[in-house]
Each structure stands twice: as structure tokens, then as C-alpha cells.
Amino acid sequence: MSDKQLKDIPYSVLDLATVIEGKTPADTFVSSLDLARHVETWDYTRYWLAEHHNMISVASSATSVVIGHIAGGTKKIRVGSGGIMLPNHSPLVIAEQFGTLESLYPGRIDLGLGRAPGTDQLTAMAIRGDRFAAVNNFPQEVRKLQTYFSAENRYAKVRAIPGEGLEIPIWILGSSTDSAHLAAAMGLPYAFASHFAPAQFLTAIDIYRKEFKPSEYLQEPYVLSCVNVIAADTDAEANKLATSLYQMFRGIITGERNLLQPPVDNIGDVLNSYEAEQINQMLACTFVGSKALVKEDMESFLAQTQVDEIMVSAHIYDHQAKLRSYQLFAELMRD
């Protein structure tokens, strides 16, 4: 039996700034801010946005800018990146951007870092240019970033202004075991993308916990797991809402990317058996149903994983239904 209870676990939001069918990125930014304002009142801890490129359904490519939009329209919720794909950028530029954000919204900014490109290889080449091999230097790039944030760097010839001397929590993001070793060695909190890559989740967090070395940033391992949650007043309603998520993942598998589609009555009319099998594997950490059912499943998940924080992603077509899902999740976490 788990010694952790849901009511003791912080819960947060991952927003991919999803563009739905019939809407534009401008509409998405309005909806994201509305969501952030609501979840702030429901005691969510943080609101993260993810860097993706060349995807018509994801509007958060200029991640730092959208973080500023959300932080500026809220009052207390932490806002950050889940994540910034560091090899896409100069560490100095990210230090300056997040130093600016932390200066504008002190004590509220998180910096989650990933090494993946957040896009296809051709687009990654267009982004990275001569820095295309930077992915191989990810640990060194993270350390450069830490150096720019340090007060000691004031004696260096290259400085991050603003950024220097500010306490901006750095997280290591991962979807495989490679990131677990790095997060443990650096003594940093670890956020795992179990919402789309659950296969190595349990192995990765076990490695992280066993290898963790205390640091000036963190004394004990801290695991955040991102999961998909689609909650509604009835199981049937939630299952229908979830068909938008399944359609989105079908696009990932087939390469036929679309804007987020409205729900359908029968997902079997959309997916063939191969697609359904692949989607079920990718969505192993997905919880769909009424509040009672999601709570039961989340209790089992917590007992198995002993995570320290749960981050929720919800790809729901209707904005009001999305708000309701996040409200129900907050209620079941606090009950």
C-alpha cells in the first residue's frame, strides 16, 4: 500500500497550446490564458508549455513568449517550460529569456529542459543550423546555463543580463532512460513524458532514484509524471471526449497531422486495428472517465509509481468540457 495519498500530491498542467479544428493560434492563446486563470483558482501548482515546431496543431513554438503571456495574465501559479529544447538554442539566449521572465514575474518561473528537437529532422536542421550537433553536448549546455544563472558569473566576460544571480528552478525532462541518468547525476528534479512515451517510465524513474546525488538545488529525488486525463460527469461523456485525443495520436502514428478534431461517436470508424494497438501503447498513462473512476485509477497509479507530482495534459475539443475536466481532476485530488 502506498504511503502517499492523492491529497498530498501537487498537481499541475501541461498545455500544448493545441489549435482545434476551425480555430487559429490566436484563439488558442485566448483559451490557454482562460484555462490558466481557472486552474489557478483550483490550486494547480504550475502551468507549463512545450516547445514544438512545424506542427499545425501546436501553437507554442515561441515558448518563452507564451509563458510571458500566461504569467502576465495570472497572479500566483508557477509558469514554465515543459520544455525548452535546449539544443535548439544558445544557453545564453535562454538564460536571458528566462532571466527576463523571472524578473517580470519573480518566484513564478520554471525552466524545464529537453534534448529532443521537438519536431522533425528537417525542421530541426532549419532551427539549429551549425548547432545541429548540440544535442550531443546537452549535459554541457545545461551546465553553461547554470553558470549564466550563477552569481559567481558576474566576473565572467560573457554574462546573462537579466538572469545572473536569479534562482530559476531547472528541471530535466525525459522520455527515455538517458535523461534519468543525467537528472540524477546533476541532482535536478526529473519530469517524465509518460503522457506519450510510457514504455520506459518505470525503469527511468527507478534509475533516477537509485543514482540521485544531492545538489545545491535539490536534496532528494523529485519525480514529476505527466499523464493524460479526460474527466467528465459520466464515463460515457469522457470516453467520447477522448476520441479527439485518439485522433490526434493517429496523426502522430500516420504522419497525417491535423488540427485537433471534434469527438466522434465511434472511434472504431476512424482507427484500424494496428493504429488502435499503437495508440493504446502510447497512451498507457491515460485516465478517462468520471471523477470516481479517474480517482480510483490515479490512486493505483500513485501506489505503483510513488511520484512526487502529477502533471495533467488534456486534449479536449470543447473548451468548456476541458475546463470541466480540469475542475473534476482538482476535486478528486483534494477530496
Foldseek 3Di string as FASTA:
>chain_A
DDPDALLQFAEAAEEQLFFAPPGQSVVSLVLLLVLLQLVVVLRHAEYAYEAAPPARGGNCNVVLVSQLSNLVSHDHHAYEYPAAQQLLDQLLVVLQSVLVVCVVRPPRYAHEYENDQNYDPVVSCVRNPVSSVVSVVVLVRVVVNVLLQELVCVPPPDHRVRRHVGDHAYEYEELAQVSLLSCQVAQHEYEYALQFRVPHVQVNVVSNQVSHDHDPRHGHYAYEYEAEEQADQFLQVQVQQCLLVLVQQLCVVVVVHDRRYAGDNDSCVVDDPVSVVSVCNRRVRYYTGYLVRSLVVVVVVCRVRVHRHYYYYYRGNDSVSVSVRSSSPSVSSND
